[in-house]
Protein backbone atom coordinates (compact mmCIF):
# COMPACT_ATOMS: atom_id res chain seq x y z
CA UNK A 1 0.03 0.02 -0.03
CA UNK A 2 2.80 2.26 0.91
CA UNK A 3 4.52 1.76 -2.45
CA UNK A 4 1.21 2.33 -4.23
CA UNK A 5 0.58 5.56 -2.56
CA UNK A 6 4.29 6.73 -3.48
CA UNK A 7 3.74 5.91 -7.07
CA UNK A 8 0.26 7.59 -7.08
CA UNK A 9 1.89 10.83 -5.87
CA UNK A 10 5.33 10.41 -7.56
CA UNK A 11 5.48 14.08 -8.72
CA UNK A 12 4.69 15.55 -5.37
CA UNK A 13 7.22 13.18 -3.63
CA UNK A 14 10.06 14.18 -6.15
CA UNK A 15 9.26 17.99 -5.50
CA UNK A 16 9.45 17.52 -1.77
CA UNK A 17 12.78 15.59 -1.93
CA UNK A 18 14.24 18.27 -4.23
CA UNK A 19 13.10 21.00 -1.86
CA UNK A 20 14.74 19.27 1.18
CA UNK A 21 18.12 18.82 -0.79
CA UNK A 22 18.20 22.40 -1.91
CA UNK A 23 17.41 23.65 1.54
CA UNK A 24 20.33 21.77 3.10
CA UNK A 25 22.68 22.71 0.23
CA UNK A 26 22.09 26.35 0.73
CA UNK A 27 21.98 26.55 4.55
CA UNK A 28 24.66 23.96 5.57
CA UNK A 29 28.09 25.65 5.50
CA UNK A 30 30.82 23.99 3.50
CA UNK A 31 33.08 22.92 6.10
CA UNK A 32 35.51 21.41 3.61
CA UNK A 33 36.07 24.48 1.44
CA UNK A 34 39.60 25.75 1.01
CA UNK A 35 40.49 29.12 2.54
CA UNK A 36 40.54 32.04 0.23
CA UNK A 37 44.24 32.51 -0.95
CA UNK A 38 45.45 35.85 -2.31
CA UNK A 39 46.16 35.63 -5.92
CA UNK A 40 49.56 37.12 -6.82
CA UNK A 41 49.91 39.75 -9.54
CA UNK A 42 52.95 39.62 -11.88
CA UNK A 43 54.17 42.87 -13.68
CA UNK A 44 56.84 44.48 -15.61
CA UNK A 45 57.84 47.73 -14.36
CA UNK A 46 60.21 50.19 -15.88
CA UNK A 47 61.48 52.72 -13.47
CA UNK A 48 64.13 55.46 -13.38
CA UNK A 49 67.66 54.20 -12.70
CA UNK A 50 69.74 56.08 -10.14
CA UNK A 51 73.06 55.17 -11.84
CA UNK A 52 74.06 54.40 -15.29
CA UNK A 53 75.71 51.19 -14.12
CA UNK A 54 72.22 49.82 -13.34
CA UNK A 55 71.23 50.20 -16.95
CA UNK A 56 74.42 48.54 -18.12
CA UNK A 57 73.93 45.60 -15.72
CA UNK A 58 70.36 45.12 -17.06
CA UNK A 59 71.59 45.03 -20.50
CA UNK A 60 74.34 42.60 -19.81
CA UNK A 61 71.57 40.25 -18.23
CA UNK A 62 69.51 40.71 -21.49
CA UNK A 63 72.50 39.85 -23.69
CA UNK A 64 73.36 36.76 -21.47
CA UNK A 65 69.73 35.56 -21.78
CA UNK A 66 69.78 36.00 -25.40
CA UNK A 67 73.04 34.03 -25.67
CA UNK A 68 71.67 31.21 -23.58
CA UNK A 69 68.73 30.95 -26.08
CA UNK A 70 71.05 30.66 -28.95
CA UNK A 71 73.41 28.18 -27.14
CA UNK A 72 72.13 25.17 -29.04
CA UNK A 73 72.48 26.86 -32.43
CA UNK A 74 76.21 27.96 -31.45
CA UNK A 75 76.92 24.41 -30.30
CA UNK A 76 75.80 22.83 -33.57
CA UNK A 77 77.28 25.57 -35.90
CA UNK A 78 80.56 26.18 -34.42
CA UNK A 79 81.81 22.92 -33.06
CA UNK A 80 82.32 19.31 -34.17
CA UNK A 81 78.68 18.36 -33.43
CA UNK A 82 77.59 18.69 -37.01
CA UNK A 83 79.94 16.17 -38.57
CA UNK A 84 79.43 13.69 -35.75
CA UNK A 85 75.67 13.56 -35.84
CA UNK A 86 75.45 13.34 -39.63
CA UNK A 87 77.85 10.55 -39.84
CA UNK A 88 76.01 8.67 -37.06
CA UNK A 89 72.76 9.20 -38.88
CA UNK A 90 74.33 7.70 -42.05
CA UNK A 91 75.42 4.68 -40.20
CA UNK A 92 72.12 3.96 -38.89
CA UNK A 93 70.51 4.46 -42.46
CA UNK A 94 73.14 2.17 -44.02
CA UNK A 95 72.53 -0.70 -41.59
CA UNK A 96 68.76 -0.06 -42.12
CA UNK A 97 67.87 -0.75 -38.41
CA UNK A 98 65.00 1.79 -38.55
CA UNK A 99 65.07 3.57 -35.12
CA UNK A 100 68.03 1.59 -33.60
CA UNK A 101 69.97 3.08 -32.03
CA UNK A 102 67.32 5.65 -30.95
CA UNK A 103 67.65 9.29 -31.97
CA UNK A 104 68.27 10.28 -28.21
CA UNK A 105 71.22 7.95 -28.07
CA UNK A 106 72.79 9.17 -31.25
CA UNK A 107 72.33 12.81 -30.16
CA UNK A 108 73.76 11.99 -26.67
CA UNK A 109 76.86 10.17 -28.03
CA UNK A 110 77.39 13.17 -30.48
CA UNK A 111 77.18 15.55 -27.65
CA UNK A 112 79.81 13.75 -25.59
CA UNK A 113 82.16 13.27 -28.44
CA UNK A 114 81.74 16.92 -29.14
CA UNK A 115 82.72 17.77 -25.69
CA UNK A 116 85.74 15.34 -25.98
CA UNK A 117 86.96 16.91 -29.23
CA UNK A 118 86.47 20.53 -28.10
CA UNK A 119 87.81 20.03 -24.59
CA UNK A 120 91.22 21.56 -25.24
CA UNK A 121 89.59 24.61 -26.88
CA UNK A 122 87.08 24.94 -24.10
CA UNK A 123 90.07 24.96 -21.58
CA UNK A 124 91.82 27.56 -23.56
CA UNK A 125 88.76 29.80 -23.45
CA UNK A 126 88.15 29.35 -19.92
CA UNK A 127 91.79 29.97 -18.98
CA UNK A 128 92.48 32.97 -21.19
CA UNK A 129 89.03 34.66 -21.53
CA UNK A 130 86.44 33.54 -18.85
CA UNK A 131 88.54 33.28 -15.74
CA UNK A 132 90.23 36.71 -16.23
CA UNK A 133 86.91 38.29 -16.91
CA UNK A 134 85.51 36.85 -13.68
CA UNK A 135 88.33 38.14 -11.84
CA UNK A 136 87.77 41.55 -13.35
CA UNK A 137 91.18 41.61 -14.99
CA UNK A 138 89.88 42.30 -18.57
CA UNK A 139 86.87 43.88 -19.98
CA UNK A 140 83.93 42.15 -21.54
CA UNK A 141 85.03 43.04 -25.04
CA UNK A 142 88.59 41.65 -24.49
CA UNK A 143 87.02 38.37 -23.08
CA UNK A 144 84.76 37.84 -26.09
CA UNK A 145 87.77 38.55 -28.37
CA UNK A 146 90.23 36.22 -26.57
CA UNK A 147 87.43 33.57 -26.31
CA UNK A 148 86.80 33.57 -30.09
CA UNK A 149 90.38 33.16 -31.01
CA UNK A 150 90.67 29.28 -30.19
CA UNK A 151 87.36 28.73 -31.67
CA UNK A 152 88.23 30.66 -34.87
CA UNK A 153 91.53 28.59 -35.08
CA UNK A 154 89.59 25.40 -34.91
CA UNK A 155 87.15 26.50 -37.48
CA UNK A 156 89.86 27.60 -39.88
CA UNK A 157 91.69 24.19 -39.58
CA UNK A 158 88.58 22.45 -40.82
CA UNK A 159 87.35 24.78 -43.36
CA UNK A 160 88.24 24.45 -47.03
CA UNK A 161 89.84 27.30 -48.84
CA UNK A 162 87.23 26.92 -51.69
CA UNK A 163 84.38 27.49 -49.08
CA UNK A 164 86.14 30.57 -47.66
CA UNK A 165 86.56 31.96 -51.07
CA UNK A 166 82.91 31.42 -51.90
CA UNK A 167 81.74 33.66 -49.07
CA UNK A 168 84.51 36.24 -49.40
CA UNK A 169 83.45 36.74 -53.06
CA UNK A 170 79.68 36.85 -52.13
CA UNK A 171 80.27 39.54 -49.46
CA UNK A 172 81.91 41.69 -52.19
CA UNK A 173 85.11 42.14 -50.15
CA UNK A 174 87.50 44.32 -52.13
CA UNK A 175 91.26 43.24 -52.23
CA UNK A 176 93.29 40.31 -50.82
CA UNK A 177 92.01 39.12 -47.29
CA UNK A 178 94.28 37.18 -44.97
CA UNK A 179 92.98 34.04 -43.38
CA UNK A 180 93.25 35.51 -39.88
CA UNK A 181 91.44 38.67 -40.94
CA UNK A 182 88.28 36.75 -42.08
CA UNK A 183 85.25 37.99 -40.04
CA UNK A 184 82.98 35.51 -38.22
CA UNK A 185 80.09 36.14 -40.56
CA UNK A 186 82.27 34.69 -43.36
CA UNK A 187 83.94 32.00 -41.43
CA UNK A 188 81.03 30.41 -39.64
CA UNK A 189 78.94 29.54 -42.90
CA UNK A 190 82.15 28.45 -44.86
CA UNK A 191 83.00 26.07 -41.76
CA UNK A 192 79.43 24.76 -41.73
CA UNK A 193 79.47 23.69 -45.52
CA UNK A 194 82.91 22.26 -45.22
CA UNK A 195 81.65 20.09 -42.19
CA UNK A 196 78.53 18.96 -44.30
CA UNK A 197 80.78 18.05 -47.23
CA UNK A 198 83.25 16.03 -45.01
CA UNK A 199 80.30 14.22 -43.24
CA UNK A 200 78.77 13.21 -46.61
CA UNK A 201 82.09 11.96 -47.74
CA UNK A 202 82.39 9.72 -44.56
CA UNK A 203 78.82 8.59 -45.11
CA UNK A 204 79.53 7.55 -48.60
CA UNK A 205 82.26 5.37 -47.44
CA UNK A 206 80.21 3.94 -44.77
CA UNK A 207 77.44 2.82 -47.33
CA UNK A 208 79.79 0.92 -49.56
CA UNK A 209 80.12 -2.38 -47.54
CA UNK A 210 76.57 -2.50 -46.67
CA UNK A 211 75.35 -1.92 -50.17
CA UNK A 212 77.55 -4.84 -51.36
CA UNK A 213 75.82 -7.08 -48.85
CA UNK A 214 72.33 -5.87 -50.13
CA UNK A 215 73.31 -6.69 -53.74
CA UNK A 216 74.81 -10.02 -52.81
CA UNK A 217 71.64 -10.99 -50.93
CA UNK A 218 69.23 -9.63 -53.51
CA UNK A 219 71.08 -11.49 -56.44
CA UNK A 220 70.98 -14.75 -54.42
CA UNK A 221 67.33 -14.58 -53.61
CA UNK A 222 66.66 -13.90 -57.28
CA UNK A 223 68.70 -16.77 -58.39
CA UNK A 224 66.74 -18.99 -56.05
CA UNK A 225 63.46 -17.82 -57.25
CA UNK A 226 62.47 -16.24 -53.87
CA UNK A 227 61.02 -13.00 -55.40
CA UNK A 228 58.52 -12.26 -52.55
CA UNK A 229 60.99 -12.34 -49.68
CA UNK A 230 62.19 -8.90 -48.97
CA UNK A 231 66.07 -8.75 -49.24
CA UNK A 232 66.41 -6.23 -46.40
CA UNK A 233 65.09 -8.79 -43.96
CA UNK A 234 67.76 -11.27 -45.05
CA UNK A 235 70.68 -8.74 -45.24
CA UNK A 236 69.98 -7.13 -41.93
CA UNK A 237 71.63 -9.93 -39.83
CA UNK A 238 74.65 -10.15 -42.06
CA UNK A 239 75.17 -6.25 -41.75
CA UNK A 240 75.06 -6.51 -38.13
CA UNK A 241 77.38 -9.57 -38.20
CA UNK A 242 79.99 -7.54 -40.39
CA UNK A 243 79.79 -4.48 -38.22
CA UNK A 244 80.33 -6.57 -35.05
CA UNK A 245 83.16 -8.65 -36.42
CA UNK A 246 85.22 -5.55 -37.64
CA UNK A 247 84.38 -3.73 -34.30
CA UNK A 248 82.46 -0.97 -36.30
CA UNK A 249 81.87 1.43 -33.38
CA UNK A 250 85.59 1.69 -32.37
CA UNK A 251 86.62 2.16 -36.05
CA UNK A 252 83.81 4.76 -36.69
CA UNK A 253 84.64 6.76 -33.61
CA UNK A 254 88.37 6.57 -34.10
CA UNK A 255 87.85 7.84 -37.65
CA UNK A 256 85.70 10.59 -36.40
CA UNK A 257 88.37 11.69 -33.70
CA UNK A 258 91.11 11.42 -36.19
CA UNK A 259 89.32 13.61 -38.85
CA UNK A 260 89.43 16.65 -36.40
CA UNK A 261 93.24 16.49 -35.91
């Protein structure tokens, strides 16, 4: 009987329940509410400097932040990183191991090899430019000039004269220019294309033994009438076996390190 009465007055029953729920929701304080926290305001203010030195310090900080944002490009374009990472990428493509080693591993190996090859130059920059500047023995301009000297010497050793002549002619430089007088805007792009050419030459040499294996496997499969079997599936174990037997990583890294001397 009770159930029958509830069903008979269903609409009234729902309205009563809804009214009771709303009453408690409005009148009962929320004891679990979080306290009101002040919202901080962030702003950029430009005020009047009391001394010119304050403006100079602010500009130096701005220049430093800009250099830090360009640090990856500087690392790639003015060191041995370009040649190393391209050769390692060519090796992975020659073996045809898809994403093995992973890109993160290749980049990490290239970075540590770059630190290894550039360590004498970085030590020279630290001793002759950075430390005297931190001890306030030389000015900032002198520190930059002294720090660029060993890096320029490294880039000049690795840059071909043909590439230097290309950018010297493109810059419409009048008269003969000594190698040590070449500006950084000419030296850096010439160094980059020289590194690209060297890396592609080493990559071509890397491809030759693996291409021979691919040709031998493909011709063998065709002579056996196994047209539907992918040659890459059969040649991959032989490529890995060849690379392991000749201790390929040791030879490759030794060739890379020797190419910078």
